[in-house]
Amino acid sequence: MADTNDMRIVLIQGSERKTKPGCVLVHCEDNKDVEAPETAVAKCPFVKDGAFESTACVLMNLVRWVDKYGIDGHSASELPRPCPYRDISYVFKGWDLEFAEKLFAPPQRTHFLTTMNVAEKYKITGLIDFMSIALGCKLRNNADQQAVQEIFGVDVAEHDEDIKEDWINELIKPTFVQ
């Protein structure tokens, strides 16, 4: 496994496309270039001819996952179904927790749903399962509403009276908790 923590968005000046040894540049749809380990990118069939058809943040999320678990791989953490937790640290451990925290960190979290959509397009089901559980935890966690608003692209703050509505609590409560 390559060190995908070393991935970065680079600015290309002129026609020079130099990278660190063992790395390649991938041009993304948002006109950003990502420098990533060559061995990690080689595992990613969605990178074609040094290009990727989504944003740089989405590419970095997918490369990290595929380098660790592969296209068909699943999380090492046991994913409870249904998941009653509000805190992702109860569900994910080790690398999985670190990865989930990166998904919810700015600016990555504004690309969360796009990452899920692209993972679905390429049938990366393990990542979709992982992100579904992580998102469920985040939605149930009332302490981090700013992250939820950024994930969904909502710029209106919720008020306490909105959250106290019975219908919203019923929607987010796991079905086995009655």
N, C-alpha and C. Protein backbone atom coordinates (compact mmCIF):
# COMPACT_ATOMS: atom_id res chain seq x y z
N MET A 1 0.84 -1.18 0.00
CA MET A 1 0.00 0.00 0.00
C MET A 1 0.89 1.24 0.00
N ALA A 2 0.56 2.18 -0.86
CA ALA A 2 1.32 3.43 -0.98
C ALA A 2 0.91 4.38 0.15
N ASP A 3 1.72 5.41 0.37
CA ASP A 3 1.38 6.41 1.37
C ASP A 3 0.49 7.46 0.73
N THR A 4 -0.82 7.23 0.76
CA THR A 4 -1.75 8.15 0.11
C THR A 4 -1.99 9.40 0.95
N ASN A 5 -1.45 9.45 2.16
CA ASN A 5 -1.52 10.69 2.94
C ASN A 5 -0.65 11.76 2.31
N ASP A 6 0.21 11.34 1.41
CA ASP A 6 1.13 12.25 0.75
C ASP A 6 0.53 12.86 -0.51
N MET A 7 -0.72 12.55 -0.83
CA MET A 7 -1.35 13.13 -2.01
C MET A 7 -1.56 14.62 -1.78
N ARG A 8 -1.49 15.36 -2.90
CA ARG A 8 -1.71 16.80 -2.77
C ARG A 8 -2.18 17.37 -4.09
N ILE A 9 -2.88 18.49 -4.00
CA ILE A 9 -3.26 19.24 -5.19
C ILE A 9 -2.09 20.14 -5.53
N VAL A 10 -1.67 20.12 -6.78
CA VAL A 10 -0.51 20.92 -7.19
C VAL A 10 -0.93 21.93 -8.24
N LEU A 11 -0.22 23.04 -8.25
CA LEU A 11 -0.42 24.06 -9.27
C LEU A 11 0.61 23.85 -10.36
N ILE A 12 0.16 23.72 -11.58
CA ILE A 12 1.06 23.53 -12.71
C ILE A 12 1.39 24.90 -13.29
N GLN A 13 2.67 25.20 -13.35
CA GLN A 13 3.09 26.48 -13.91
C GLN A 13 3.67 26.23 -15.29
N GLY A 14 3.04 26.83 -16.28
CA GLY A 14 3.49 26.63 -17.65
C GLY A 14 3.21 25.21 -18.10
N SER A 15 4.12 24.65 -18.87
CA SER A 15 3.91 23.30 -19.39
C SER A 15 4.66 22.25 -18.59
N GLU A 16 5.33 22.66 -17.52
CA GLU A 16 6.10 21.70 -16.70
C GLU A 16 5.16 20.90 -15.82
N ARG A 17 5.33 19.60 -15.88
CA ARG A 17 4.51 18.70 -15.07
C ARG A 17 5.45 17.77 -14.30
N LYS A 18 6.21 18.32 -13.40
CA LYS A 18 7.15 17.52 -12.62
C LYS A 18 6.47 17.04 -11.34
N THR A 19 6.83 15.82 -10.97
CA THR A 19 6.29 15.24 -9.74
C THR A 19 7.43 14.67 -8.92
N LYS A 20 7.11 14.33 -7.69
CA LYS A 20 8.08 13.64 -6.85
C LYS A 20 8.30 12.25 -7.42
N PRO A 21 9.45 11.65 -7.18
CA PRO A 21 9.68 10.27 -7.66
C PRO A 21 8.61 9.32 -7.10
N GLY A 22 8.11 8.44 -7.98
CA GLY A 22 7.10 7.47 -7.58
C GLY A 22 5.69 8.01 -7.60
N CYS A 23 5.51 9.25 -8.06
CA CYS A 23 4.19 9.87 -8.11
C CYS A 23 3.81 10.22 -9.54
N VAL A 24 2.52 10.35 -9.78
CA VAL A 24 2.00 10.78 -11.07
C VAL A 24 1.01 11.92 -10.84
N LEU A 25 0.79 12.70 -11.88
CA LEU A 25 -0.21 13.76 -11.83
C LEU A 25 -1.48 13.27 -12.51
N VAL A 26 -2.60 13.56 -11.89
CA VAL A 26 -3.91 13.24 -12.47
C VAL A 26 -4.67 14.55 -12.59
N HIS A 27 -5.10 14.84 -13.82
CA HIS A 27 -5.86 16.07 -14.07
C HIS A 27 -7.35 15.80 -13.81
N CYS A 28 -7.97 16.68 -13.02
CA CYS A 28 -9.36 16.47 -12.62
C CYS A 28 -10.29 17.45 -13.33
N GLU A 29 -11.57 17.11 -13.28
CA GLU A 29 -12.61 17.89 -13.96
C GLU A 29 -12.68 19.34 -13.49
N ASP A 30 -12.26 19.61 -12.25
CA ASP A 30 -12.28 20.97 -11.72
C ASP A 30 -11.01 21.74 -12.07
N ASN A 31 -10.25 21.23 -13.05
CA ASN A 31 -9.00 21.83 -13.53
C ASN A 31 -7.90 21.87 -12.48
N LYS A 32 -7.96 20.98 -11.53
CA LYS A 32 -6.89 20.84 -10.54
C LYS A 32 -6.14 19.57 -10.87
N ASP A 33 -4.87 19.56 -10.51
CA ASP A 33 -4.03 18.38 -10.71
C ASP A 33 -3.66 17.81 -9.35
N VAL A 34 -3.78 16.50 -9.22
CA VAL A 34 -3.46 15.82 -7.97
C VAL A 34 -2.20 14.99 -8.19
N GLU A 35 -1.25 15.17 -7.30
CA GLU A 35 -0.05 14.34 -7.31
C GLU A 35 -0.31 13.19 -6.33
N ALA A 36 -0.25 11.97 -6.86
CA ALA A 36 -0.56 10.79 -6.05
C ALA A 36 0.45 9.69 -6.34
N PRO A 37 0.66 8.77 -5.39
CA PRO A 37 1.58 7.66 -5.62
C PRO A 37 1.17 6.84 -6.85
N GLU A 38 2.13 6.56 -7.69
CA GLU A 38 1.87 5.82 -8.93
C GLU A 38 1.27 4.45 -8.66
N THR A 39 1.74 3.77 -7.61
CA THR A 39 1.22 2.43 -7.31
C THR A 39 -0.25 2.49 -6.88
N ALA A 40 -0.65 3.57 -6.21
CA ALA A 40 -2.05 3.72 -5.79
C ALA A 40 -2.94 4.03 -7.00
N VAL A 41 -2.49 4.91 -7.86
CA VAL A 41 -3.27 5.29 -9.05
C VAL A 41 -3.42 4.11 -9.99
N ALA A 42 -2.41 3.24 -10.05
CA ALA A 42 -2.47 2.07 -10.93
C ALA A 42 -3.62 1.13 -10.55
N LYS A 43 -4.08 1.16 -9.31
CA LYS A 43 -5.18 0.31 -8.85
C LYS A 43 -6.56 0.91 -9.18
N CYS A 44 -6.57 2.11 -9.74
CA CYS A 44 -7.81 2.87 -9.93
C CYS A 44 -8.23 2.90 -11.39
N PRO A 45 -9.18 2.03 -11.79
CA PRO A 45 -9.61 1.99 -13.19
C PRO A 45 -10.35 3.24 -13.64
N PHE A 46 -10.77 4.07 -12.70
CA PHE A 46 -11.49 5.30 -13.04
C PHE A 46 -10.56 6.43 -13.46
N VAL A 47 -9.25 6.24 -13.29
CA VAL A 47 -8.27 7.21 -13.79
C VAL A 47 -7.82 6.72 -15.16
N LYS A 48 -8.15 7.50 -16.18
CA LYS A 48 -7.84 7.08 -17.55
C LYS A 48 -6.98 8.14 -18.23
N ASP A 49 -5.85 7.71 -18.75
CA ASP A 49 -4.93 8.60 -19.46
C ASP A 49 -4.58 9.84 -18.63
N GLY A 50 -4.34 9.63 -17.35
CA GLY A 50 -3.94 10.72 -16.47
C GLY A 50 -5.05 11.72 -16.18
N ALA A 51 -6.30 11.31 -16.39
CA ALA A 51 -7.43 12.22 -16.15
C ALA A 51 -8.51 11.53 -15.32
N PHE A 52 -9.28 12.35 -14.61
CA PHE A 52 -10.38 11.86 -13.78
C PHE A 52 -11.58 12.77 -13.98
N GLU A 53 -12.75 12.18 -14.09
CA GLU A 53 -13.94 12.95 -14.46
C GLU A 53 -14.75 13.50 -13.29
N SER A 54 -14.08 13.84 -12.22
CA SER A 54 -14.74 14.52 -11.11
C SER A 54 -13.71 15.44 -10.46
N THR A 55 -14.00 15.90 -9.25
CA THR A 55 -13.13 16.87 -8.60
C THR A 55 -11.89 16.23 -7.97
N ALA A 56 -10.92 17.07 -7.66
CA ALA A 56 -9.68 16.60 -7.04
C ALA A 56 -9.96 15.99 -5.66
N CYS A 57 -10.85 16.59 -4.89
CA CYS A 57 -11.17 16.04 -3.56
C CYS A 57 -11.78 14.65 -3.68
N VAL A 58 -12.66 14.46 -4.65
CA VAL A 58 -13.27 13.14 -4.86
C VAL A 58 -12.21 12.14 -5.26
N LEU A 59 -11.32 12.53 -6.15
CA LEU A 59 -10.24 11.63 -6.57
C LEU A 59 -9.41 11.19 -5.37
N MET A 60 -9.03 12.12 -4.52
CA MET A 60 -8.20 11.77 -3.37
C MET A 60 -8.93 10.80 -2.44
N ASN A 61 -10.24 11.01 -2.24
CA ASN A 61 -11.02 10.08 -1.41
C ASN A 61 -11.02 8.68 -2.01
N LEU A 62 -11.29 8.59 -3.32
CA LEU A 62 -11.37 7.28 -3.97
C LEU A 62 -10.01 6.58 -4.02
N VAL A 63 -8.95 7.32 -4.31
CA VAL A 63 -7.62 6.71 -4.37
C VAL A 63 -7.23 6.16 -3.00
N ARG A 64 -7.51 6.91 -1.94
CA ARG A 64 -7.19 6.42 -0.59
C ARG A 64 -7.92 5.10 -0.31
N TRP A 65 -9.21 5.07 -0.62
CA TRP A 65 -10.00 3.86 -0.35
C TRP A 65 -9.51 2.69 -1.19
N VAL A 66 -9.38 2.89 -2.49
CA VAL A 66 -9.01 1.80 -3.40
C VAL A 66 -7.60 1.31 -3.09
N ASP A 67 -6.70 2.20 -2.70
CA ASP A 67 -5.35 1.76 -2.35
C ASP A 67 -5.38 0.86 -1.12
N LYS A 68 -6.25 1.16 -0.17
CA LYS A 68 -6.33 0.38 1.07
C LYS A 68 -7.13 -0.92 0.88
N TYR A 69 -8.31 -0.83 0.25
CA TYR A 69 -9.22 -1.97 0.20
C TYR A 69 -9.49 -2.51 -1.20
N GLY A 70 -9.09 -1.79 -2.22
CA GLY A 70 -9.39 -2.23 -3.58
C GLY A 70 -10.80 -1.82 -4.00
N ILE A 71 -11.10 -2.00 -5.26
CA ILE A 71 -12.42 -1.65 -5.80
C ILE A 71 -13.51 -2.49 -5.13
N ASP A 72 -13.24 -3.77 -4.89
CA ASP A 72 -14.25 -4.68 -4.35
C ASP A 72 -14.14 -4.89 -2.84
N GLY A 73 -13.20 -4.19 -2.19
CA GLY A 73 -12.96 -4.42 -0.77
C GLY A 73 -13.95 -3.72 0.14
N HIS A 74 -13.97 -4.17 1.38
CA HIS A 74 -14.85 -3.61 2.39
C HIS A 74 -14.04 -3.19 3.60
N SER A 75 -14.60 -2.32 4.39
CA SER A 75 -13.97 -1.78 5.58
C SER A 75 -13.54 -2.89 6.54
N ALA A 76 -12.42 -2.67 7.22
CA ALA A 76 -11.98 -3.62 8.24
C ALA A 76 -12.85 -3.51 9.50
N SER A 77 -13.46 -2.35 9.70
CA SER A 77 -14.36 -2.16 10.84
C SER A 77 -15.68 -2.86 10.56
N GLU A 78 -16.24 -3.46 11.61
CA GLU A 78 -17.55 -4.10 11.45
C GLU A 78 -18.62 -3.01 11.40
N LEU A 79 -19.41 -3.02 10.34
CA LEU A 79 -20.43 -1.98 10.15
C LEU A 79 -21.77 -2.49 10.66
N PRO A 80 -22.26 -1.94 11.79
CA PRO A 80 -23.53 -2.41 12.35
C PRO A 80 -24.71 -2.01 11.48
N ARG A 81 -25.66 -2.92 11.35
CA ARG A 81 -26.87 -2.66 10.55
C ARG A 81 -28.09 -2.97 11.39
N PRO A 82 -28.97 -2.08 11.67
CA PRO A 82 -28.81 -0.64 11.49
C PRO A 82 -27.83 -0.09 12.51
N CYS A 83 -27.32 1.08 12.24
CA CYS A 83 -26.31 1.69 13.11
C CYS A 83 -26.96 2.70 14.06
N PRO A 84 -26.89 2.45 15.36
CA PRO A 84 -27.53 3.35 16.32
C PRO A 84 -26.63 4.49 16.80
N TYR A 85 -25.38 4.51 16.38
CA TYR A 85 -24.41 5.43 16.96
C TYR A 85 -24.46 6.83 16.37
N ARG A 86 -24.07 7.79 17.20
CA ARG A 86 -23.97 9.19 16.78
C ARG A 86 -22.52 9.58 16.56
N ASP A 87 -21.61 8.85 17.15
CA ASP A 87 -20.19 9.17 17.10
C ASP A 87 -19.48 8.13 16.24
N ILE A 88 -18.80 8.59 15.19
CA ILE A 88 -18.14 7.65 14.28
C ILE A 88 -17.03 6.85 14.95
N SER A 89 -16.51 7.35 16.07
CA SER A 89 -15.42 6.62 16.74
C SER A 89 -15.92 5.34 17.41
N TYR A 90 -17.24 5.18 17.58
CA TYR A 90 -17.78 3.93 18.11
C TYR A 90 -17.86 2.86 17.03
N VAL A 91 -17.87 3.28 15.78
CA VAL A 91 -18.03 2.35 14.66
C VAL A 91 -16.69 2.04 14.00
N PHE A 92 -15.91 3.06 13.73
CA PHE A 92 -14.67 2.90 12.97
C PHE A 92 -13.45 2.93 13.87
N LYS A 93 -12.48 2.12 13.51
CA LYS A 93 -11.23 2.05 14.28
C LYS A 93 -10.04 2.18 13.32
N GLY A 94 -8.92 2.62 13.85
CA GLY A 94 -7.67 2.66 13.08
C GLY A 94 -7.77 3.49 11.81
N TRP A 95 -7.33 2.90 10.71
CA TRP A 95 -7.31 3.59 9.42
C TRP A 95 -8.71 4.03 9.03
N ASP A 96 -9.72 3.21 9.30
CA ASP A 96 -11.09 3.54 8.94
C ASP A 96 -11.56 4.83 9.63
N LEU A 97 -11.23 4.98 10.91
CA LEU A 97 -11.61 6.19 11.64
C LEU A 97 -10.89 7.41 11.06
N GLU A 98 -9.61 7.25 10.79
CA GLU A 98 -8.84 8.35 10.19
C GLU A 98 -9.43 8.76 8.84
N PHE A 99 -9.80 7.78 8.03
CA PHE A 99 -10.39 8.05 6.73
C PHE A 99 -11.74 8.76 6.87
N ALA A 100 -12.58 8.28 7.79
CA ALA A 100 -13.89 8.91 8.02
C ALA A 100 -13.72 10.36 8.49
N GLU A 101 -12.76 10.59 9.37
CA GLU A 101 -12.51 11.96 9.84
C GLU A 101 -12.07 12.86 8.70
N LYS A 102 -11.28 12.33 7.76
CA LYS A 102 -10.87 13.12 6.59
C LYS A 102 -12.07 13.42 5.70
N LEU A 103 -12.98 12.47 5.55
CA LEU A 103 -14.17 12.70 4.73
C LEU A 103 -15.01 13.85 5.26
N PHE A 104 -15.02 14.02 6.58
CA PHE A 104 -15.84 15.06 7.20
C PHE A 104 -15.07 16.35 7.49
N ALA A 105 -13.79 16.39 7.15
CA ALA A 105 -13.00 17.60 7.39
C ALA A 105 -13.15 18.55 6.20
N PRO A 106 -13.13 19.85 6.46
CA PRO A 106 -13.16 20.79 5.33
C PRO A 106 -11.86 20.64 4.54
N PRO A 107 -11.81 20.80 3.25
CA PRO A 107 -12.92 21.03 2.33
C PRO A 107 -13.55 19.72 1.84
N GLN A 108 -13.03 18.57 2.29
CA GLN A 108 -13.51 17.27 1.80
C GLN A 108 -15.01 17.09 2.00
N ARG A 109 -15.55 17.57 3.12
CA ARG A 109 -16.95 17.27 3.42
C ARG A 109 -17.93 17.87 2.42
N THR A 110 -17.54 18.94 1.73
CA THR A 110 -18.43 19.50 0.72
C THR A 110 -18.49 18.60 -0.52
N HIS A 111 -17.59 17.62 -0.60
CA HIS A 111 -17.55 16.67 -1.72
C HIS A 111 -18.04 15.28 -1.30
N PHE A 112 -18.60 15.17 -0.09
CA PHE A 112 -19.01 13.88 0.46
C PHE A 112 -20.01 13.17 -0.45
N LEU A 113 -21.09 13.84 -0.78
CA LEU A 113 -22.14 13.20 -1.60
C LEU A 113 -21.66 12.92 -3.02
N THR A 114 -20.83 13.80 -3.55
CA THR A 114 -20.26 13.55 -4.88
C THR A 114 -19.37 12.32 -4.84
N THR A 115 -18.61 12.17 -3.76
CA THR A 115 -17.77 10.97 -3.61
C THR A 115 -18.65 9.72 -3.60
N MET A 116 -19.77 9.77 -2.89
CA MET A 116 -20.68 8.61 -2.86
C MET A 116 -21.24 8.33 -4.25
N ASN A 117 -21.61 9.37 -4.97
CA ASN A 117 -22.16 9.18 -6.32
C ASN A 117 -21.14 8.57 -7.27
N VAL A 118 -19.91 9.05 -7.21
CA VAL A 118 -18.86 8.51 -8.09
C VAL A 118 -18.52 7.08 -7.68
N ALA A 119 -18.50 6.81 -6.37
CA ALA A 119 -18.27 5.43 -5.90
C ALA A 119 -19.36 4.50 -6.41
N GLU A 120 -20.59 4.99 -6.44
CA GLU A 120 -21.69 4.19 -6.97
C GLU A 120 -21.50 3.94 -8.47
N LYS A 121 -21.07 4.96 -9.18
CA LYS A 121 -20.85 4.83 -10.63
C LYS A 121 -19.84 3.72 -10.93
N TYR A 122 -18.79 3.65 -10.12
CA TYR A 122 -17.74 2.65 -10.35
C TYR A 122 -17.92 1.39 -9.52
N LYS A 123 -19.09 1.26 -8.90
CA LYS A 123 -19.46 0.06 -8.14
C LYS A 123 -18.48 -0.27 -7.01
N ILE A 124 -18.06 0.78 -6.30
CA ILE A 124 -17.18 0.60 -5.14
C ILE A 124 -18.10 0.46 -3.92
N THR A 125 -18.74 -0.70 -3.82
CA THR A 125 -19.80 -0.90 -2.83
C THR A 125 -19.30 -0.83 -1.39
N GLY A 126 -18.09 -1.26 -1.13
CA GLY A 126 -17.55 -1.19 0.22
C GLY A 126 -17.46 0.25 0.70
N LEU A 127 -17.06 1.14 -0.19
CA LEU A 127 -16.98 2.56 0.16
C LEU A 127 -18.37 3.16 0.35
N ILE A 128 -19.31 2.76 -0.47
CA ILE A 128 -20.68 3.26 -0.32
C ILE A 128 -21.25 2.83 1.03
N ASP A 129 -21.07 1.57 1.40
CA ASP A 129 -21.53 1.08 2.70
C ASP A 129 -20.88 1.87 3.84
N PHE A 130 -19.58 2.05 3.74
CA PHE A 130 -18.81 2.78 4.75
C PHE A 130 -19.34 4.20 4.90
N MET A 131 -19.51 4.89 3.77
CA MET A 131 -19.95 6.28 3.80
C MET A 131 -21.40 6.41 4.27
N SER A 132 -22.22 5.42 3.98
CA SER A 132 -23.62 5.44 4.43
C SER A 132 -23.69 5.38 5.95
N ILE A 133 -22.90 4.49 6.54
CA ILE A 133 -22.87 4.38 8.00
C ILE A 133 -22.31 5.66 8.61
N ALA A 134 -21.22 6.18 8.03
CA ALA A 134 -20.61 7.42 8.55
C ALA A 134 -21.59 8.58 8.47
N LEU A 135 -22.30 8.69 7.37
CA LEU A 135 -23.27 9.78 7.21
C LEU A 135 -24.42 9.64 8.20
N GLY A 136 -24.87 8.41 8.43
CA GLY A 136 -25.93 8.18 9.41
C GLY A 136 -25.51 8.64 10.80
N CYS A 137 -24.28 8.34 11.19
CA CYS A 137 -23.77 8.79 12.48
C CYS A 137 -23.77 10.32 12.54
N LYS A 138 -23.30 10.93 11.48
CA LYS A 138 -23.20 12.39 11.44
C LYS A 138 -24.58 13.04 11.50
N LEU A 139 -25.56 12.45 10.83
CA LEU A 139 -26.92 13.00 10.85
C LEU A 139 -27.55 12.90 12.24
N ARG A 140 -27.25 11.82 12.96
CA ARG A 140 -27.81 11.66 14.30
C ARG A 140 -27.08 12.51 15.33
N ASN A 141 -25.89 12.99 15.02
CA ASN A 141 -25.08 13.76 15.96
C ASN A 141 -25.47 15.24 15.87
N ASN A 142 -26.28 15.68 16.80
CA ASN A 142 -26.74 17.07 16.80
C ASN A 142 -25.63 18.07 17.07
N ALA A 143 -24.48 17.62 17.56
CA ALA A 143 -23.40 18.53 17.92
C ALA A 143 -22.66 19.07 16.70
N ASP A 144 -22.78 18.44 15.56
CA ASP A 144 -22.00 18.85 14.39
C ASP A 144 -22.91 19.22 13.22
N GLN A 145 -23.85 20.10 13.45
CA GLN A 145 -24.80 20.48 12.41
C GLN A 145 -24.15 21.27 11.27
N GLN A 146 -23.06 22.00 11.57
CA GLN A 146 -22.39 22.74 10.50
C GLN A 146 -21.85 21.78 9.44
N ALA A 147 -21.28 20.67 9.88
CA ALA A 147 -20.77 19.67 8.93
C ALA A 147 -21.91 19.12 8.08
N VAL A 148 -23.04 18.83 8.70
CA VAL A 148 -24.19 18.30 7.96
C VAL A 148 -24.67 19.32 6.93
N GLN A 149 -24.72 20.58 7.32
CA GLN A 149 -25.15 21.63 6.39
C GLN A 149 -24.20 21.73 5.20
N GLU A 150 -22.90 21.62 5.45
CA GLU A 150 -21.93 21.69 4.36
C GLU A 150 -22.00 20.46 3.46
N ILE A 151 -22.23 19.30 4.06
CA ILE A 151 -22.34 18.07 3.27
C ILE A 151 -23.51 18.18 2.29
N PHE A 152 -24.63 18.68 2.76
CA PHE A 152 -25.82 18.78 1.93
C PHE A 152 -25.92 20.10 1.17
N GLY A 153 -24.95 21.00 1.37
CA GLY A 153 -24.97 22.27 0.66
C GLY A 153 -26.05 23.21 1.15
N VAL A 154 -26.41 23.08 2.42
CA VAL A 154 -27.45 23.93 3.01
C VAL A 154 -26.77 25.06 3.76
N ASP A 155 -27.15 26.28 3.46
CA ASP A 155 -26.52 27.40 4.17
C ASP A 155 -27.48 28.08 5.15
N VAL A 156 -28.52 27.38 5.53
CA VAL A 156 -29.47 27.89 6.51
C VAL A 156 -29.28 27.11 7.81
N ALA A 157 -29.07 27.83 8.89
CA ALA A 157 -28.86 27.17 10.18
C ALA A 157 -30.18 26.64 10.73
N GLU A 158 -30.11 25.47 11.34
CA GLU A 158 -31.29 24.93 12.02
C GLU A 158 -31.37 25.54 13.40
N HIS A 159 -32.57 25.69 13.87
CA HIS A 159 -32.79 26.21 15.21
C HIS A 159 -33.27 25.07 16.10
N ASP A 160 -33.11 25.26 17.41
CA ASP A 160 -33.51 24.22 18.34
C ASP A 160 -34.95 23.77 18.14
N GLU A 161 -35.85 24.73 17.85
CA GLU A 161 -37.25 24.36 17.68
C GLU A 161 -37.46 23.49 16.44
N ASP A 162 -36.60 23.64 15.42
CA ASP A 162 -36.69 22.77 14.24
C ASP A 162 -36.31 21.33 14.59
N ILE A 163 -35.28 21.18 15.39
CA ILE A 163 -34.78 19.86 15.75
C ILE A 163 -35.74 19.14 16.69
N LYS A 164 -36.50 19.86 17.49
CA LYS A 164 -37.41 19.25 18.45
C LYS A 164 -38.68 18.70 17.82
N GLU A 165 -38.90 18.96 16.57
CA GLU A 165 -40.09 18.45 15.90
C GLU A 165 -40.08 16.92 15.92
N ASP A 166 -41.21 16.33 16.28
CA ASP A 166 -41.31 14.87 16.36
C ASP A 166 -40.99 14.18 15.04
N TRP A 167 -41.43 14.74 13.94
CA TRP A 167 -41.26 14.08 12.65
C TRP A 167 -39.78 13.93 12.28
N ILE A 168 -38.96 14.92 12.62
CA ILE A 168 -37.54 14.82 12.25
C ILE A 168 -36.85 13.77 13.12
N ASN A 169 -37.22 13.72 14.40
CA ASN A 169 -36.63 12.71 15.28
C ASN A 169 -37.02 11.31 14.85
N GLU A 170 -38.25 11.14 14.38
CA GLU A 170 -38.70 9.84 13.89
C GLU A 170 -37.92 9.42 12.64
N LEU A 171 -37.59 10.37 11.79
CA LEU A 171 -36.87 10.05 10.55
C LEU A 171 -35.45 9.58 10.81
N ILE A 172 -34.80 10.13 11.83
CA ILE A 172 -33.39 9.80 12.04
C ILE A 172 -33.16 8.73 13.09
N LYS A 173 -34.21 8.30 13.78
CA LYS A 173 -34.07 7.27 14.81
C LYS A 173 -33.96 5.89 14.15
N PRO A 174 -32.96 5.08 14.55
CA PRO A 174 -32.87 3.73 14.00
C PRO A 174 -34.15 2.95 14.28
N THR A 175 -34.54 2.09 13.37
CA THR A 175 -35.83 1.40 13.46
C THR A 175 -35.93 0.45 14.65
N PHE A 176 -34.81 -0.10 15.12
CA PHE A 176 -34.90 -1.04 16.23
C PHE A 176 -34.95 -0.34 17.58
N VAL A 177 -34.80 0.98 17.63
CA VAL A 177 -34.88 1.73 18.88
C VAL A 177 -36.30 2.27 18.99
N GLN A 178 -37.12 1.63 19.78
CA GLN A 178 -38.53 2.05 19.90
C GLN A 178 -38.84 2.42 21.32
